Amino acid sequence: MKRYFFLMIVPLLLALWIMQCTQKSEYQLRVERELASGVRADSLFLGYHFGMSKKAFMDHSWQLNKEGVIAGYATIGHTFTELPHPALMEFFPEFDENGIVRMPVTMEYRGWAPWNEHLSPEVLMKDLVHLYESKYGERFDVMPNETTGDSVYVSIRGNRLIRVYKESVSEVMLEFSDLSTEAGS
């Protein structure tokens, strides 16, 4: 009798284990649902967008530089004033053969210091989330960072993934990725 029980329970446990391993996370299901929606959300900021060629990016950046909006070349600096306090924004996109696929942006409130709690990265993260929720009408979900355990704010609309998380003691990472490309996913 024990032998038959063992022969029945082992395949059942094996089947449950296989189902658990192949089950998709809520995040993966949401990505698939958003990509299947057919919505294209390519706009980023300052006139940059997913799919912008390297030449178009350089030309646009050159024009913004001449206007005094940005500065730099290998990394581009910009004073971001759409938040409660001015923030330093540094960025440079990642390209594939189709143009911009990812835009990592580090941000820090100007005047940040350990004693200026109102300019901390935690406050900046919440301010960025509020800004992009009101700007794009997208909600952000809080998820754990798999490596650090810290909170990551995540928004997905169509092909555009926005992640906001603490990068360092003073900086926040604002990351835009095009999920419709291999590099963005």
N, C-alpha and C. Protein backbone atom coordinates (compact mmCIF):
# COMPACT_ATOMS: atom_id res chain seq x y z
N MET A 1 0.82 -1.19 0.00
CA MET A 1 0.00 0.00 0.00
C MET A 1 0.86 1.26 0.00
N LYS A 2 1.92 1.25 0.85
CA LYS A 2 2.82 2.40 0.90
C LYS A 2 3.49 2.61 -0.45
N ARG A 3 3.76 1.51 -1.11
CA ARG A 3 4.43 1.58 -2.40
C ARG A 3 3.53 2.30 -3.42
N TYR A 4 2.25 1.99 -3.44
CA TYR A 4 1.32 2.64 -4.36
C TYR A 4 1.14 4.12 -4.03
N PHE A 5 1.11 4.40 -2.74
CA PHE A 5 1.01 5.80 -2.31
C PHE A 5 2.21 6.59 -2.82
N PHE A 6 3.40 6.02 -2.67
CA PHE A 6 4.63 6.66 -3.14
C PHE A 6 4.59 6.86 -4.65
N LEU A 7 4.12 5.84 -5.39
CA LEU A 7 4.05 5.94 -6.85
C LEU A 7 3.03 6.99 -7.30
N MET A 8 2.05 7.29 -6.46
CA MET A 8 1.06 8.30 -6.81
C MET A 8 1.51 9.70 -6.40
N ILE A 9 2.15 9.81 -5.26
CA ILE A 9 2.50 11.12 -4.72
C ILE A 9 3.70 11.74 -5.45
N VAL A 10 4.67 10.96 -5.85
CA VAL A 10 5.86 11.49 -6.52
C VAL A 10 5.50 12.17 -7.83
N PRO A 11 4.72 11.55 -8.72
CA PRO A 11 4.34 12.26 -9.95
C PRO A 11 3.51 13.51 -9.69
N LEU A 12 2.66 13.46 -8.66
CA LEU A 12 1.86 14.64 -8.32
C LEU A 12 2.74 15.79 -7.87
N LEU A 13 3.69 15.51 -7.00
CA LEU A 13 4.63 16.54 -6.55
C LEU A 13 5.48 17.07 -7.70
N LEU A 14 5.90 16.18 -8.56
CA LEU A 14 6.70 16.58 -9.72
C LEU A 14 5.87 17.50 -10.64
N ALA A 15 4.62 17.17 -10.85
CA ALA A 15 3.75 18.00 -11.69
C ALA A 15 3.54 19.38 -11.06
N LEU A 16 3.33 19.43 -9.75
CA LEU A 16 3.17 20.72 -9.07
C LEU A 16 4.44 21.56 -9.17
N TRP A 17 5.59 20.94 -9.03
CA TRP A 17 6.86 21.65 -9.12
C TRP A 17 7.06 22.22 -10.52
N ILE A 18 6.75 21.44 -11.54
CA ILE A 18 6.89 21.90 -12.93
C ILE A 18 5.94 23.07 -13.20
N MET A 19 4.69 22.97 -12.70
CA MET A 19 3.75 24.06 -12.88
C MET A 19 4.24 25.34 -12.22
N GLN A 20 4.82 25.22 -11.04
CA GLN A 20 5.33 26.38 -10.31
C GLN A 20 6.49 27.02 -11.07
N CYS A 21 7.35 26.20 -11.64
CA CYS A 21 8.51 26.72 -12.36
C CYS A 21 8.11 27.42 -13.66
N THR A 22 7.04 26.98 -14.29
CA THR A 22 6.66 27.56 -15.56
C THR A 22 5.63 28.67 -15.40
N GLN A 23 5.14 28.88 -14.21
CA GLN A 23 4.15 29.93 -13.98
C GLN A 23 4.80 31.31 -14.17
N LYS A 24 4.12 32.16 -14.89
CA LYS A 24 4.64 33.50 -15.14
C LYS A 24 4.30 34.42 -13.98
N SER A 25 5.20 35.34 -13.72
CA SER A 25 4.97 36.30 -12.65
C SER A 25 3.92 37.31 -13.09
N GLU A 26 3.37 38.02 -12.13
CA GLU A 26 2.40 39.08 -12.42
C GLU A 26 3.03 40.12 -13.35
N TYR A 27 4.31 40.43 -13.10
CA TYR A 27 5.03 41.39 -13.93
C TYR A 27 5.13 40.90 -15.38
N GLN A 28 5.52 39.63 -15.57
CA GLN A 28 5.65 39.09 -16.93
C GLN A 28 4.31 39.09 -17.65
N LEU A 29 3.25 38.74 -16.92
CA LEU A 29 1.91 38.76 -17.53
C LEU A 29 1.50 40.17 -17.92
N ARG A 30 1.84 41.14 -17.09
CA ARG A 30 1.51 42.55 -17.41
C ARG A 30 2.27 43.03 -18.63
N VAL A 31 3.56 42.68 -18.73
CA VAL A 31 4.36 43.05 -19.91
C VAL A 31 3.72 42.47 -21.16
N GLU A 32 3.37 41.19 -21.13
CA GLU A 32 2.75 40.55 -22.30
C GLU A 32 1.43 41.22 -22.66
N ARG A 33 0.62 41.54 -21.65
CA ARG A 33 -0.68 42.18 -21.89
C ARG A 33 -0.50 43.57 -22.52
N GLU A 34 0.46 44.34 -22.00
CA GLU A 34 0.70 45.69 -22.54
C GLU A 34 1.24 45.64 -23.97
N LEU A 35 2.17 44.71 -24.23
CA LEU A 35 2.71 44.59 -25.58
C LEU A 35 1.63 44.14 -26.55
N ALA A 36 0.74 43.27 -26.10
CA ALA A 36 -0.34 42.78 -26.97
C ALA A 36 -1.40 43.85 -27.23
N SER A 37 -1.43 44.90 -26.40
CA SER A 37 -2.44 45.96 -26.57
C SER A 37 -2.23 46.76 -27.86
N GLY A 38 -1.02 46.72 -28.40
CA GLY A 38 -0.73 47.47 -29.62
C GLY A 38 -0.45 48.95 -29.38
N VAL A 39 -0.51 49.40 -28.14
CA VAL A 39 -0.24 50.80 -27.81
C VAL A 39 1.25 51.08 -27.97
N ARG A 40 1.57 52.18 -28.65
CA ARG A 40 2.96 52.64 -28.75
C ARG A 40 3.10 53.89 -27.91
N ALA A 41 4.02 53.84 -26.96
CA ALA A 41 4.30 55.01 -26.11
C ALA A 41 5.79 55.28 -26.26
N ASP A 42 6.16 56.09 -27.23
CA ASP A 42 7.56 56.30 -27.57
C ASP A 42 8.17 57.58 -27.00
N SER A 43 7.36 58.51 -26.52
CA SER A 43 7.93 59.78 -26.06
C SER A 43 8.67 59.59 -24.74
N LEU A 44 9.77 60.32 -24.60
CA LEU A 44 10.60 60.26 -23.39
C LEU A 44 10.57 61.63 -22.71
N PHE A 45 11.46 62.52 -23.09
CA PHE A 45 11.54 63.88 -22.53
C PHE A 45 12.38 64.72 -23.47
N LEU A 46 12.23 66.03 -23.37
CA LEU A 46 13.01 67.00 -24.17
C LEU A 46 12.97 66.72 -25.67
N GLY A 47 11.92 66.07 -26.14
CA GLY A 47 11.80 65.77 -27.57
C GLY A 47 12.48 64.48 -27.99
N TYR A 48 13.10 63.76 -27.09
CA TYR A 48 13.70 62.46 -27.40
C TYR A 48 12.59 61.42 -27.41
N HIS A 49 12.80 60.34 -28.20
CA HIS A 49 11.79 59.28 -28.27
C HIS A 49 12.44 57.97 -28.67
N PHE A 50 11.76 56.88 -28.32
CA PHE A 50 12.22 55.55 -28.74
C PHE A 50 12.25 55.51 -30.26
N GLY A 51 13.24 54.83 -30.81
CA GLY A 51 13.37 54.70 -32.25
C GLY A 51 14.13 55.85 -32.90
N MET A 52 14.46 56.89 -32.13
CA MET A 52 15.22 58.02 -32.67
C MET A 52 16.62 57.51 -33.04
N SER A 53 17.03 57.75 -34.27
CA SER A 53 18.36 57.29 -34.72
C SER A 53 19.46 58.03 -33.97
N LYS A 54 20.63 57.45 -34.02
CA LYS A 54 21.78 58.08 -33.35
C LYS A 54 22.05 59.46 -33.96
N LYS A 55 21.96 59.56 -35.29
CA LYS A 55 22.19 60.85 -35.94
C LYS A 55 21.13 61.87 -35.53
N ALA A 56 19.86 61.46 -35.52
CA ALA A 56 18.78 62.37 -35.11
C ALA A 56 18.96 62.78 -33.65
N PHE A 57 19.40 61.83 -32.81
CA PHE A 57 19.66 62.14 -31.41
C PHE A 57 20.77 63.19 -31.29
N MET A 58 21.85 62.99 -32.02
CA MET A 58 22.98 63.93 -31.97
C MET A 58 22.56 65.30 -32.51
N ASP A 59 21.82 65.32 -33.60
CA ASP A 59 21.36 66.60 -34.17
C ASP A 59 20.44 67.33 -33.18
N HIS A 60 19.51 66.59 -32.59
CA HIS A 60 18.58 67.20 -31.63
C HIS A 60 19.35 67.70 -30.40
N SER A 61 20.29 66.89 -29.93
CA SER A 61 21.10 67.29 -28.77
C SER A 61 21.93 68.52 -29.07
N TRP A 62 22.48 68.59 -30.29
CA TRP A 62 23.26 69.75 -30.71
C TRP A 62 22.41 71.01 -30.65
N GLN A 63 21.17 70.91 -31.15
CA GLN A 63 20.26 72.05 -31.14
C GLN A 63 19.92 72.46 -29.70
N LEU A 64 19.60 71.47 -28.84
CA LEU A 64 19.30 71.78 -27.44
C LEU A 64 20.51 72.39 -26.74
N ASN A 65 21.71 71.93 -27.09
CA ASN A 65 22.93 72.48 -26.52
C ASN A 65 23.10 73.94 -26.94
N LYS A 66 22.87 74.24 -28.22
CA LYS A 66 22.97 75.63 -28.70
C LYS A 66 21.97 76.54 -27.99
N GLU A 67 20.81 75.98 -27.63
CA GLU A 67 19.78 76.76 -26.94
C GLU A 67 20.04 76.86 -25.43
N GLY A 68 21.08 76.16 -24.97
CA GLY A 68 21.41 76.20 -23.54
C GLY A 68 20.55 75.31 -22.67
N VAL A 69 19.80 74.40 -23.27
CA VAL A 69 18.91 73.51 -22.52
C VAL A 69 19.69 72.35 -21.89
N ILE A 70 20.68 71.83 -22.62
CA ILE A 70 21.51 70.73 -22.14
C ILE A 70 22.98 71.08 -22.32
N ALA A 71 23.84 70.29 -21.70
CA ALA A 71 25.29 70.44 -21.87
C ALA A 71 25.91 69.06 -21.81
N GLY A 72 27.03 68.89 -22.47
CA GLY A 72 27.75 67.63 -22.40
C GLY A 72 27.75 66.90 -23.71
N TYR A 73 28.43 65.73 -23.70
CA TYR A 73 28.50 64.92 -24.90
C TYR A 73 28.43 63.43 -24.55
N ALA A 74 29.40 62.90 -23.80
CA ALA A 74 29.39 61.48 -23.44
C ALA A 74 28.23 61.19 -22.48
N THR A 75 28.01 62.08 -21.56
CA THR A 75 26.77 62.09 -20.79
C THR A 75 26.23 63.50 -20.90
N ILE A 76 24.94 63.58 -20.96
CA ILE A 76 24.30 64.88 -21.17
C ILE A 76 23.69 65.34 -19.86
N GLY A 77 23.94 66.58 -19.51
CA GLY A 77 23.40 67.16 -18.29
C GLY A 77 22.28 68.14 -18.60
N HIS A 78 21.30 68.17 -17.72
CA HIS A 78 20.15 69.06 -17.88
C HIS A 78 19.61 69.39 -16.49
N THR A 79 19.24 70.64 -16.27
CA THR A 79 18.57 71.01 -15.02
C THR A 79 17.08 70.83 -15.24
N PHE A 80 16.54 69.85 -14.54
CA PHE A 80 15.13 69.47 -14.67
C PHE A 80 14.33 70.30 -13.69
N THR A 81 13.39 71.09 -14.21
CA THR A 81 12.66 72.03 -13.36
C THR A 81 11.18 71.70 -13.22
N GLU A 82 10.76 70.53 -13.64
CA GLU A 82 9.35 70.15 -13.56
C GLU A 82 8.98 69.56 -12.20
N LEU A 83 9.91 69.55 -11.27
CA LEU A 83 9.71 68.98 -9.94
C LEU A 83 9.62 70.10 -8.91
N PRO A 84 9.28 69.80 -7.66
CA PRO A 84 9.22 70.85 -6.64
C PRO A 84 10.54 71.59 -6.42
N HIS A 85 11.66 70.92 -6.73
CA HIS A 85 12.99 71.52 -6.60
C HIS A 85 13.78 71.21 -7.86
N PRO A 86 14.70 72.08 -8.29
CA PRO A 86 15.52 71.78 -9.46
C PRO A 86 16.37 70.52 -9.23
N ALA A 87 16.45 69.69 -10.26
CA ALA A 87 17.22 68.46 -10.17
C ALA A 87 18.21 68.38 -11.32
N LEU A 88 19.38 67.85 -11.04
CA LEU A 88 20.37 67.60 -12.08
C LEU A 88 20.04 66.25 -12.71
N MET A 89 19.95 66.26 -14.02
CA MET A 89 19.59 65.06 -14.78
C MET A 89 20.76 64.76 -15.71
N GLU A 90 21.28 63.53 -15.66
CA GLU A 90 22.35 63.12 -16.58
C GLU A 90 21.90 61.86 -17.30
N PHE A 91 22.11 61.84 -18.62
CA PHE A 91 21.60 60.72 -19.41
C PHE A 91 22.41 60.54 -20.68
N PHE A 92 22.31 59.37 -21.23
CA PHE A 92 22.77 59.06 -22.58
C PHE A 92 22.09 57.75 -22.97
N PRO A 93 21.46 57.71 -24.13
CA PRO A 93 20.66 56.53 -24.48
C PRO A 93 21.48 55.35 -24.95
N GLU A 94 20.81 54.21 -24.97
CA GLU A 94 21.35 53.00 -25.60
C GLU A 94 20.61 52.83 -26.92
N PHE A 95 21.35 52.47 -27.96
CA PHE A 95 20.79 52.34 -29.30
C PHE A 95 20.90 50.90 -29.78
N ASP A 96 20.01 50.51 -30.69
CA ASP A 96 20.23 49.34 -31.52
C ASP A 96 20.06 49.81 -32.96
N GLU A 97 19.94 48.90 -33.89
CA GLU A 97 19.86 49.31 -35.30
C GLU A 97 18.60 50.13 -35.60
N ASN A 98 17.60 50.09 -34.71
CA ASN A 98 16.36 50.84 -34.92
C ASN A 98 16.34 52.17 -34.19
N GLY A 99 17.39 52.50 -33.44
CA GLY A 99 17.42 53.77 -32.72
C GLY A 99 17.44 53.58 -31.22
N ILE A 100 16.94 54.57 -30.48
CA ILE A 100 16.96 54.53 -29.02
C ILE A 100 16.04 53.40 -28.54
N VAL A 101 16.59 52.54 -27.66
CA VAL A 101 15.81 51.45 -27.07
C VAL A 101 15.75 51.56 -25.55
N ARG A 102 16.67 52.31 -24.97
CA ARG A 102 16.70 52.46 -23.51
C ARG A 102 17.33 53.81 -23.19
N MET A 103 16.77 54.46 -22.17
CA MET A 103 17.30 55.76 -21.75
C MET A 103 17.47 55.73 -20.23
N PRO A 104 18.68 55.40 -19.76
CA PRO A 104 18.95 55.47 -18.32
C PRO A 104 19.29 56.91 -17.93
N VAL A 105 18.64 57.37 -16.86
CA VAL A 105 18.80 58.76 -16.42
C VAL A 105 19.11 58.76 -14.93
N THR A 106 20.22 59.37 -14.53
CA THR A 106 20.45 59.56 -13.10
C THR A 106 20.01 60.97 -12.74
N MET A 107 19.38 61.08 -11.58
CA MET A 107 18.88 62.39 -11.13
C MET A 107 19.23 62.59 -9.67
N GLU A 108 19.46 63.85 -9.36
CA GLU A 108 19.77 64.24 -7.98
C GLU A 108 19.23 65.64 -7.78
N TYR A 109 18.54 65.85 -6.66
CA TYR A 109 18.10 67.21 -6.36
C TYR A 109 19.32 68.08 -6.12
N ARG A 110 19.35 69.26 -6.75
CA ARG A 110 20.43 70.22 -6.50
C ARG A 110 20.34 70.65 -5.04
N GLY A 111 21.46 70.75 -4.40
CA GLY A 111 21.48 71.13 -2.99
C GLY A 111 21.33 69.96 -2.05
N TRP A 112 21.31 68.72 -2.61
CA TRP A 112 21.20 67.57 -1.73
C TRP A 112 22.38 67.51 -0.77
N ALA A 113 22.10 67.19 0.45
CA ALA A 113 23.10 66.91 1.48
C ALA A 113 22.39 66.05 2.52
N PRO A 114 23.11 65.25 3.28
CA PRO A 114 22.44 64.37 4.24
C PRO A 114 21.49 65.10 5.19
N TRP A 115 21.75 66.36 5.48
CA TRP A 115 20.89 67.11 6.40
C TRP A 115 19.71 67.77 5.69
N ASN A 116 19.67 67.73 4.37
CA ASN A 116 18.54 68.28 3.60
C ASN A 116 17.59 67.15 3.24
N GLU A 117 16.84 66.68 4.21
CA GLU A 117 15.98 65.52 3.99
C GLU A 117 14.93 65.76 2.91
N HIS A 118 14.50 67.00 2.72
CA HIS A 118 13.50 67.31 1.70
C HIS A 118 14.07 67.17 0.28
N LEU A 119 15.40 66.97 0.17
CA LEU A 119 16.05 66.77 -1.13
C LEU A 119 16.64 65.36 -1.26
N SER A 120 16.17 64.45 -0.43
CA SER A 120 16.72 63.08 -0.42
C SER A 120 16.27 62.30 -1.65
N PRO A 121 16.96 61.22 -1.98
CA PRO A 121 16.55 60.40 -3.11
C PRO A 121 15.15 59.79 -2.91
N GLU A 122 14.79 59.49 -1.66
CA GLU A 122 13.46 58.94 -1.40
C GLU A 122 12.37 59.94 -1.77
N VAL A 123 12.59 61.22 -1.45
CA VAL A 123 11.63 62.26 -1.81
C VAL A 123 11.63 62.46 -3.32
N LEU A 124 12.79 62.46 -3.93
CA LEU A 124 12.90 62.62 -5.39
C LEU A 124 12.16 61.48 -6.11
N MET A 125 12.31 60.24 -5.62
CA MET A 125 11.60 59.12 -6.25
C MET A 125 10.10 59.36 -6.24
N LYS A 126 9.58 59.75 -5.09
CA LYS A 126 8.13 59.98 -4.97
C LYS A 126 7.69 61.16 -5.85
N ASP A 127 8.51 62.20 -5.93
CA ASP A 127 8.18 63.34 -6.79
C ASP A 127 8.17 62.94 -8.26
N LEU A 128 9.13 62.11 -8.68
CA LEU A 128 9.17 61.64 -10.07
C LEU A 128 7.95 60.78 -10.39
N VAL A 129 7.60 59.88 -9.48
CA VAL A 129 6.44 59.03 -9.69
C VAL A 129 5.19 59.89 -9.83
N HIS A 130 5.02 60.86 -8.95
CA HIS A 130 3.86 61.75 -9.02
C HIS A 130 3.83 62.51 -10.35
N LEU A 131 4.99 63.03 -10.77
CA LEU A 131 5.07 63.77 -12.03
C LEU A 131 4.65 62.90 -13.21
N TYR A 132 5.22 61.70 -13.31
CA TYR A 132 4.93 60.85 -14.47
C TYR A 132 3.53 60.24 -14.41
N GLU A 133 3.00 60.04 -13.22
CA GLU A 133 1.61 59.58 -13.13
C GLU A 133 0.68 60.66 -13.66
N SER A 134 0.94 61.92 -13.30
CA SER A 134 0.07 63.00 -13.78
C SER A 134 0.35 63.34 -15.25
N LYS A 135 1.59 63.22 -15.69
CA LYS A 135 1.95 63.56 -17.07
C LYS A 135 1.43 62.54 -18.08
N TYR A 136 1.61 61.25 -17.77
CA TYR A 136 1.24 60.19 -18.71
C TYR A 136 -0.07 59.49 -18.34
N GLY A 137 -0.61 59.77 -17.16
CA GLY A 137 -1.82 59.09 -16.73
C GLY A 137 -1.60 57.62 -16.43
N GLU A 138 -0.37 57.27 -16.13
CA GLU A 138 -0.03 55.87 -15.83
C GLU A 138 0.17 55.71 -14.34
N ARG A 139 -0.23 54.56 -13.83
CA ARG A 139 0.02 54.31 -12.42
C ARG A 139 1.33 53.54 -12.27
N PHE A 140 1.98 53.76 -11.16
CA PHE A 140 3.21 53.05 -10.83
C PHE A 140 2.92 52.04 -9.73
N ASP A 141 3.46 50.86 -9.90
CA ASP A 141 3.37 49.83 -8.87
C ASP A 141 4.72 49.76 -8.17
N VAL A 142 4.70 49.40 -6.90
CA VAL A 142 5.94 49.24 -6.14
C VAL A 142 6.29 47.77 -6.15
N MET A 143 7.51 47.48 -6.58
CA MET A 143 8.01 46.11 -6.62
C MET A 143 9.35 46.08 -5.91
N PRO A 144 9.74 44.92 -5.39
CA PRO A 144 11.07 44.84 -4.76
C PRO A 144 12.16 44.71 -5.82
N ASN A 145 13.27 45.40 -5.59
CA ASN A 145 14.46 45.23 -6.43
C ASN A 145 15.04 43.86 -6.10
N GLU A 146 15.18 43.02 -7.11
CA GLU A 146 15.61 41.63 -6.88
C GLU A 146 17.00 41.53 -6.27
N THR A 147 17.87 42.50 -6.53
CA THR A 147 19.23 42.41 -6.00
C THR A 147 19.39 43.09 -4.65
N THR A 148 18.71 44.22 -4.45
CA THR A 148 18.92 44.97 -3.19
C THR A 148 17.76 44.84 -2.21
N GLY A 149 16.58 44.47 -2.71
CA GLY A 149 15.41 44.41 -1.85
C GLY A 149 14.73 45.76 -1.66
N ASP A 150 15.35 46.84 -2.17
CA ASP A 150 14.75 48.17 -2.08
C ASP A 150 13.53 48.25 -3.00
N SER A 151 12.74 49.29 -2.83
CA SER A 151 11.55 49.49 -3.66
C SER A 151 11.92 50.03 -5.03
N VAL A 152 11.24 49.52 -6.04
CA VAL A 152 11.34 50.01 -7.41
C VAL A 152 9.92 50.37 -7.84
N TYR A 153 9.75 51.60 -8.33
CA TYR A 153 8.47 52.02 -8.86
C TYR A 153 8.46 51.68 -10.34
N VAL A 154 7.42 50.97 -10.79
CA VAL A 154 7.36 50.46 -12.16
C VAL A 154 6.04 50.86 -12.82
N SER A 155 6.15 51.38 -14.04
CA SER A 155 4.97 51.69 -14.84
C SER A 155 5.18 51.12 -16.24
N ILE A 156 4.15 50.48 -16.77
CA ILE A 156 4.22 49.92 -18.12
C ILE A 156 3.00 50.41 -18.88
N ARG A 157 3.26 50.99 -20.03
CA ARG A 157 2.17 51.39 -20.93
C ARG A 157 2.59 51.03 -22.34
N GLY A 158 1.88 50.08 -22.92
CA GLY A 158 2.25 49.62 -24.25
C GLY A 158 3.67 49.08 -24.23
N ASN A 159 4.53 49.68 -25.03
CA ASN A 159 5.92 49.25 -25.12
C ASN A 159 6.84 49.94 -24.13
N ARG A 160 6.36 51.00 -23.44
CA ARG A 160 7.25 51.80 -22.59
C ARG A 160 7.22 51.33 -21.13
N LEU A 161 8.39 50.97 -20.66
CA LEU A 161 8.60 50.62 -19.25
C LEU A 161 9.34 51.78 -18.60
N ILE A 162 8.81 52.25 -17.47
CA ILE A 162 9.50 53.28 -16.68
C ILE A 162 9.77 52.67 -15.32
N ARG A 163 11.03 52.72 -14.91
CA ARG A 163 11.42 52.24 -13.58
C ARG A 163 12.09 53.40 -12.85
N VAL A 164 11.75 53.56 -11.57
CA VAL A 164 12.34 54.60 -10.73
C VAL A 164 12.82 53.92 -9.46
N TYR A 165 14.12 54.08 -9.17
CA TYR A 165 14.66 53.47 -7.96
C TYR A 165 15.88 54.23 -7.47
N LYS A 166 16.21 54.01 -6.20
CA LYS A 166 17.36 54.67 -5.59
C LYS A 166 18.64 54.04 -6.14
N GLU A 167 19.49 54.88 -6.68
CA GLU A 167 20.75 54.42 -7.29
C GLU A 167 21.90 54.50 -6.30
N SER A 168 21.92 55.55 -5.48
CA SER A 168 23.00 55.74 -4.52
C SER A 168 22.48 56.57 -3.35
N VAL A 169 23.36 56.96 -2.48
CA VAL A 169 22.96 57.74 -1.31
C VAL A 169 22.35 59.08 -1.71
N SER A 170 22.67 59.56 -2.91
CA SER A 170 22.15 60.87 -3.34
C SER A 170 21.37 60.83 -4.65
N GLU A 171 21.46 59.74 -5.41
CA GLU A 171 20.89 59.71 -6.76
C GLU A 171 19.75 58.71 -6.92
N VAL A 172 18.90 59.03 -7.88
CA VAL A 172 17.80 58.18 -8.29
C VAL A 172 18.03 57.80 -9.74
N MET A 173 17.70 56.56 -10.10
CA MET A 173 17.73 56.13 -11.49
C MET A 173 16.31 56.17 -12.04
N LEU A 174 16.16 56.88 -13.14
CA LEU A 174 14.91 56.93 -13.89
C LEU A 174 15.21 56.24 -15.21
N GLU A 175 14.58 55.13 -15.46
CA GLU A 175 14.96 54.28 -16.58
C GLU A 175 13.77 54.08 -17.52
N PHE A 176 13.94 54.44 -18.78
CA PHE A 176 12.92 54.23 -19.79
C PHE A 176 13.42 53.09 -20.71
N SER A 177 12.59 52.07 -20.94
CA SER A 177 12.97 50.97 -21.82
C SER A 177 11.84 50.67 -22.79
N ASP A 178 12.22 50.37 -24.03
CA ASP A 178 11.26 49.98 -25.05
C ASP A 178 11.14 48.46 -25.01
N LEU A 179 10.04 47.96 -24.46
CA LEU A 179 9.86 46.51 -24.29
C LEU A 179 9.63 45.78 -25.60
N SER A 180 9.35 46.51 -26.68
CA SER A 180 9.11 45.86 -27.97
C SER A 180 10.42 45.49 -28.67
N THR A 181 11.55 45.87 -28.07
CA THR A 181 12.84 45.51 -28.64
C THR A 181 13.51 44.49 -27.71
N GLU A 182 14.40 43.72 -28.27
CA GLU A 182 15.12 42.73 -27.46
C GLU A 182 15.95 43.42 -26.39
N ALA A 183 16.58 44.54 -26.74
CA ALA A 183 17.44 45.26 -25.78
C ALA A 183 16.62 45.88 -24.66
N GLY A 184 15.38 46.27 -24.93
CA GLY A 184 14.56 46.93 -23.92
C GLY A 184 13.88 45.99 -22.96
N SER A 185 13.76 44.72 -23.35
CA SER A 185 13.01 43.79 -22.49
C SER A 185 13.86 43.10 -21.46
